[in-house]
Amino acid sequence: MKKEMVTERDGSISNKTAERLAAMIMKARHLVGFTGAGISTESGLADFRGPDGVWTRQDKGLPPPRSRRIEDVRPNRAHIIVADLIDQGFMKFLISQNVDGLHIMSGVPVEKIAELHGNHYLMVCDHCNKKMTYQEAGWDRRRFGPGYRRYPAVSGQPGCPNCEGRLYSSIVNFGDPLPERDFNESMEHAEKADLMLIIGSSLVVTPAADLPLITKRKGGSLVIINKGETALDKIADIRIWAGAGDTLEKIIKKIKARHSASA
């Protein structure tokens, strides 16, 4: 495949590129999505390595960017379009580095997503791996805290309602292992993928960022949509320097137009 670089910074992709991507998505046998913090910026959350990201500003000696509270944000059009691609059967699985829970809020089925760094709203049992909301667990964060793995148990904290195992926040902090089941499932889908659509990730946080390399080594194509540089720019088949919302909206319109024309 001829490599294409779309370099309009903060701009909009061309109709030609949108047509090409729509055709690739519709032709793919096993499309896998991969998202990072950049897909949630339109919801009001700051990303990390974007042009105005948390770590980018820190490296420049600047204060953190303005960001809404995670409890106050809702899915944006990019999240909705990803959920639509899954609902229509084009995207077989979604791998996400985000903890904001916006993909599940947008309608992505829990069995179709691996949240490799956890979910702000979910706890997990260390014995049976059952996931549940804090409410379902009967966990009062004001009394028992966030329940991070590195925190000691608090007297009286509830156990898993399924097996009485110890409950933890599903959030993966620095130094914590990735959830084994989610990561193994992600590797399986990365191996199957003939196309991986990467949205809003700088691809520097490993081992999650190594998953696109599996797809590439297996002969699959990589499409990267991200405003800032990524660690895999040089091996991307198509590289789009534009916002997720505008880009995905153009692509989904082309897909719908193709459907209408063939109906």
Protein backbone atom coordinates (compact mmCIF):
# COMPACT_ATOMS: atom_id res chain seq x y z
CA MET A 1 0.00 0.00 0.00
CA LYS A 2 1.28 3.44 -0.90
CA LYS A 3 1.96 5.50 2.18
CA GLU A 4 -0.04 8.72 2.46
CA MET A 5 0.73 11.57 4.79
CA VAL A 6 -2.03 14.09 5.43
CA THR A 7 -0.25 16.98 7.04
CA GLU A 8 -2.86 19.69 7.53
CA ARG A 9 -2.22 20.60 11.14
CA ASP A 10 -5.54 21.15 12.93
CA GLY A 11 -7.12 21.08 9.50
CA SER A 12 -9.60 18.86 7.75
CA ILE A 13 -8.80 15.80 5.67
CA SER A 14 -9.49 15.93 1.95
CA ASN A 15 -12.47 14.23 0.34
CA LYS A 16 -10.03 11.94 -1.43
CA THR A 17 -8.52 10.74 1.84
CA ALA A 18 -11.95 10.37 3.45
CA GLU A 19 -13.06 8.25 0.47
CA ARG A 20 -9.96 6.11 0.74
CA LEU A 21 -10.42 5.54 4.46
CA ALA A 22 -14.10 4.73 4.03
CA ALA A 23 -13.18 2.13 1.41
CA MET A 24 -10.51 0.63 3.68
CA ILE A 25 -12.93 0.38 6.61
CA MET A 26 -15.65 -1.24 4.52
CA LYS A 27 -13.18 -3.68 2.97
CA ALA A 28 -11.43 -4.67 6.22
CA ARG A 29 -12.11 -8.18 7.46
CA HIS A 30 -11.02 -7.42 11.04
CA LEU A 31 -10.84 -3.71 11.88
CA VAL A 32 -9.59 -2.92 15.38
CA GLY A 33 -9.76 0.52 16.98
CA PHE A 34 -7.12 1.90 19.35
CA THR A 35 -7.81 5.10 21.27
CA GLY A 36 -5.91 7.42 23.57
CA ALA A 37 -6.63 10.63 25.44
CA GLY A 38 -6.80 12.67 22.22
CA ILE A 39 -10.24 11.30 21.35
CA SER A 40 -11.64 12.85 24.54
CA THR A 41 -10.31 16.40 24.13
CA GLU A 42 -13.54 17.51 22.42
CA SER A 43 -15.34 16.42 25.59
CA GLY A 44 -13.24 18.88 27.59
CA LEU A 45 -10.56 16.54 28.98
CA ALA A 46 -6.92 17.43 28.50
CA ASP A 47 -4.69 14.92 26.72
CA PHE A 48 -1.07 14.22 27.63
CA ARG A 49 1.28 14.49 24.66
CA GLY A 50 -0.85 16.63 22.36
CA PRO A 51 0.25 20.16 21.36
CA ASP A 52 -1.29 21.52 24.59
CA GLY A 53 -1.17 18.30 26.62
CA VAL A 54 -0.33 17.83 30.28
CA TRP A 55 3.18 16.45 29.73
CA THR A 56 3.85 18.78 26.78
CA ARG A 57 3.16 21.84 28.94
CA GLN A 58 5.08 20.38 31.87
CA ASP A 59 8.13 19.89 29.65
CA LYS A 60 7.91 23.59 28.73
CA GLY A 61 7.62 24.66 32.37
CA LEU A 62 3.98 25.69 31.92
CA PRO A 63 1.04 25.02 34.25
CA PRO A 64 -1.35 22.17 33.41
CA PRO A 65 -3.96 22.85 30.73
CA ARG A 66 -7.54 23.55 31.72
CA SER A 67 -9.58 20.38 31.92
CA ARG A 68 -13.09 19.52 33.06
CA ARG A 69 -13.70 17.09 35.92
CA ILE A 70 -13.99 13.55 34.61
CA GLU A 71 -17.43 13.25 36.26
CA ASP A 72 -18.69 16.22 34.21
CA VAL A 73 -17.75 15.05 30.72
CA ARG A 74 -19.88 13.22 28.18
CA PRO A 75 -19.07 11.36 24.95
CA ASN A 76 -18.37 13.55 21.93
CA ARG A 77 -19.05 12.89 18.25
CA ALA A 78 -15.85 10.87 17.85
CA HIS A 79 -16.92 8.46 20.60
CA ILE A 80 -20.40 8.18 19.04
CA ILE A 81 -18.96 7.40 15.59
CA VAL A 82 -16.65 4.71 16.99
CA ALA A 83 -19.65 3.14 18.75
CA ASP A 84 -21.56 3.35 15.45
CA LEU A 85 -18.75 1.57 13.58
CA ILE A 86 -18.91 -1.23 16.14
CA ASP A 87 -22.70 -1.38 16.02
CA GLN A 88 -22.64 -1.66 12.22
CA GLY A 89 -20.10 -4.48 12.41
CA PHE A 90 -17.24 -2.63 10.72
CA MET A 91 -15.08 -2.41 13.86
CA LYS A 92 -14.69 -5.80 15.54
CA PHE A 93 -12.98 -4.67 18.74
CA LEU A 94 -11.77 -1.52 20.50
CA ILE A 95 -8.61 -1.15 22.57
CA SER A 96 -8.50 1.97 24.74
CA GLN A 97 -5.90 3.56 27.00
CA ASN A 98 -8.51 5.90 28.46
CA VAL A 99 -9.99 5.72 31.97
CA ASP A 100 -12.80 8.22 31.39
CA GLY A 101 -15.45 5.59 30.60
CA LEU A 102 -16.74 7.59 27.63
CA HIS A 103 -16.63 4.69 25.17
CA ILE A 104 -18.99 2.59 27.25
CA MET A 105 -21.19 5.65 27.86
CA SER A 106 -21.40 6.13 24.09
CA GLY A 107 -22.77 2.63 23.61
CA VAL A 108 -19.74 0.40 23.04
CA PRO A 109 -20.64 -3.04 24.47
CA VAL A 110 -18.37 -4.08 27.34
CA GLU A 111 -17.51 -7.32 25.52
CA LYS A 112 -16.21 -5.30 22.54
CA ILE A 113 -13.69 -3.17 24.44
CA ALA A 114 -10.51 -3.63 26.43
CA GLU A 115 -9.85 -0.66 28.73
CA LEU A 116 -6.18 -1.37 29.35
CA HIS A 117 -5.67 1.37 31.92
CA GLY A 118 -8.97 0.81 33.69
CA ASN A 119 -12.20 2.76 34.08
CA HIS A 120 -12.82 5.55 36.58
CA TYR A 121 -16.29 4.18 37.32
CA LEU A 122 -15.48 0.50 37.73
CA MET A 123 -13.99 -1.80 40.37
CA VAL A 124 -12.64 -5.29 39.73
CA CYS A 125 -12.34 -8.41 41.88
CA ASP A 126 -8.80 -9.79 42.25
CA HIS A 127 -10.17 -13.35 42.41
CA CYS A 128 -12.95 -13.77 39.82
CA ASN A 129 -12.12 -10.65 37.71
CA LYS A 130 -15.75 -9.51 37.80
CA LYS A 131 -16.11 -5.80 37.03
CA MET A 132 -18.76 -3.64 38.65
CA THR A 133 -19.55 -0.03 39.44
CA TYR A 134 -18.73 1.38 42.87
CA GLN A 135 -22.47 1.45 43.55
CA GLU A 136 -22.87 -2.23 42.64
CA ALA A 137 -19.96 -3.05 44.93
CA GLY A 138 -21.48 -1.07 47.80
CA TRP A 139 -18.22 0.90 47.97
CA ASP A 140 -18.37 4.37 49.52
CA ARG A 141 -15.36 6.31 48.24
CA ARG A 142 -15.74 8.89 50.97
CA ARG A 143 -15.25 6.16 53.59
CA PHE A 144 -12.98 3.63 51.87
CA GLY A 145 -11.10 5.87 49.42
CA PRO A 146 -10.54 5.10 45.71
CA GLY A 147 -9.44 1.51 46.37
CA TYR A 148 -6.21 1.67 44.36
CA ARG A 149 -4.04 -1.44 44.42
CA ARG A 150 -1.20 0.32 46.21
CA TYR A 151 -3.49 1.34 49.09
CA PRO A 152 -3.86 -0.95 52.13
CA ALA A 153 -7.26 -2.45 52.89
CA VAL A 154 -9.61 -0.33 55.01
CA SER A 155 -11.50 -1.90 57.90
CA GLY A 156 -15.06 -2.77 56.89
CA GLN A 157 -14.58 -2.38 53.15
CA PRO A 158 -16.91 -4.63 51.11
CA GLY A 159 -15.74 -7.73 49.26
CA CYS A 160 -16.81 -8.93 45.85
CA PRO A 161 -20.55 -9.68 45.84
CA ASN A 162 -19.82 -12.55 43.46
CA CYS A 163 -17.10 -14.44 45.36
CA GLU A 164 -16.07 -12.31 48.37
CA GLY A 165 -12.66 -11.62 46.82
CA ARG A 166 -10.89 -8.32 47.40
CA LEU A 167 -12.08 -5.40 45.30
CA TYR A 168 -9.78 -2.82 43.72
CA SER A 169 -10.28 0.20 41.53
CA SER A 170 -9.86 -0.92 37.94
CA ILE A 171 -7.57 2.09 37.35
CA VAL A 172 -4.01 1.08 36.44
CA ASN A 173 -1.57 3.47 38.10
CA PHE A 174 2.13 3.69 37.29
CA GLY A 175 3.79 0.50 38.49
CA ASP A 176 0.57 -1.54 38.41
CA PRO A 177 0.27 -4.48 35.99
CA LEU A 178 -2.15 -4.22 33.08
CA PRO A 179 -5.31 -6.32 33.44
CA GLU A 180 -4.18 -9.71 32.11
CA ARG A 181 -7.45 -10.76 30.51
CA ASP A 182 -7.93 -7.43 28.71
CA PHE A 183 -4.34 -7.32 27.49
CA ASN A 184 -4.41 -10.92 26.21
CA GLU A 185 -7.66 -10.23 24.38
CA SER A 186 -6.14 -7.08 22.88
CA MET A 187 -3.13 -9.04 21.64
CA GLU A 188 -5.40 -11.61 20.00
CA HIS A 189 -7.32 -8.91 18.14
CA ALA A 190 -4.13 -7.06 17.20
CA GLU A 191 -2.87 -10.27 15.57
CA LYS A 192 -6.14 -10.74 13.66
CA ALA A 193 -6.38 -7.12 12.52
CA ASP A 194 -5.87 -6.36 8.85
CA LEU A 195 -6.52 -2.70 9.71
CA MET A 196 -5.96 -0.83 12.97
CA LEU A 197 -7.44 2.66 13.33
CA ILE A 198 -5.48 4.60 15.96
CA ILE A 199 -7.20 7.70 17.29
CA GLY A 200 -5.76 10.25 19.70
CA SER A 201 -2.74 8.39 21.05
CA SER A 202 0.92 9.39 21.04
CA LEU A 203 1.78 5.67 21.25
CA VAL A 204 4.53 6.08 23.82
CA VAL A 205 3.01 4.31 26.85
CA THR A 206 3.96 0.66 26.68
CA PRO A 207 3.05 -2.17 26.63
CA ALA A 208 -0.26 -0.89 25.22
CA ALA A 209 1.56 1.10 22.52
CA ASP A 210 3.27 -2.08 21.31
CA LEU A 211 -0.02 -3.57 20.11
CA PRO A 212 -0.09 -1.70 16.75
CA LEU A 213 3.35 -3.19 16.03
CA ILE A 214 1.79 -6.66 16.25
CA THR A 215 -0.75 -5.70 13.60
CA LYS A 216 1.96 -4.23 11.38
CA ARG A 217 4.21 -7.30 11.70
CA LYS A 218 1.26 -9.53 10.78
CA GLY A 219 0.80 -7.58 7.56
CA GLY A 220 -2.01 -5.27 8.67
CA SER A 221 -2.30 -1.57 7.90
CA LEU A 222 -2.05 1.27 10.42
CA VAL A 223 -4.02 4.52 10.15
CA ILE A 224 -3.11 7.14 12.75
CA ILE A 225 -5.34 10.14 13.52
CA ASN A 226 -3.62 12.41 16.02
CA LYS A 227 -2.78 16.11 16.22
CA GLY A 228 0.65 15.55 17.79
CA GLU A 229 3.58 13.35 16.86
CA THR A 230 3.43 9.65 17.64
CA ALA A 231 6.08 7.00 18.11
CA LEU A 232 4.86 5.11 15.02
CA ASP A 233 4.49 7.94 12.50
CA LYS A 234 7.20 6.49 10.25
CA ILE A 235 5.44 3.15 9.79
CA ALA A 236 1.85 4.41 9.47
CA ASP A 237 0.18 3.66 6.15
CA ILE A 238 -1.92 6.80 6.47
CA ARG A 239 -1.05 9.58 8.93
CA ILE A 240 -3.64 12.27 9.61
CA TRP A 241 -2.72 15.38 11.59
CA ALA A 242 -6.26 16.50 12.39
CA GLY A 243 -8.94 16.31 15.05
CA ALA A 244 -10.77 13.04 15.65
CA GLY A 245 -14.27 14.49 15.43
CA ASP A 246 -13.91 16.19 12.03
CA THR A 247 -11.99 13.27 10.56
CA LEU A 248 -14.34 10.52 11.70
CA GLU A 249 -17.40 12.55 10.73
CA LYS A 250 -16.14 12.87 7.15
CA ILE A 251 -15.33 9.16 6.99
CA ILE A 252 -18.70 8.00 8.34
CA LYS A 253 -20.52 10.25 5.84
CA LYS A 254 -18.57 8.60 3.01
CA ILE A 255 -19.44 5.15 4.36
CA LYS A 256 -23.14 6.03 4.55
CA ALA A 257 -23.03 7.48 1.02
CA ARG A 258 -21.48 4.26 -0.27
CA HIS A 259 -24.20 2.25 1.46
CA SER A 260 -26.92 4.41 -0.07
CA ALA A 261 -25.40 4.12 -3.53
CA SER A 262 -25.26 0.31 -3.31
CA ALA A 263 -28.76 -0.08 -1.82
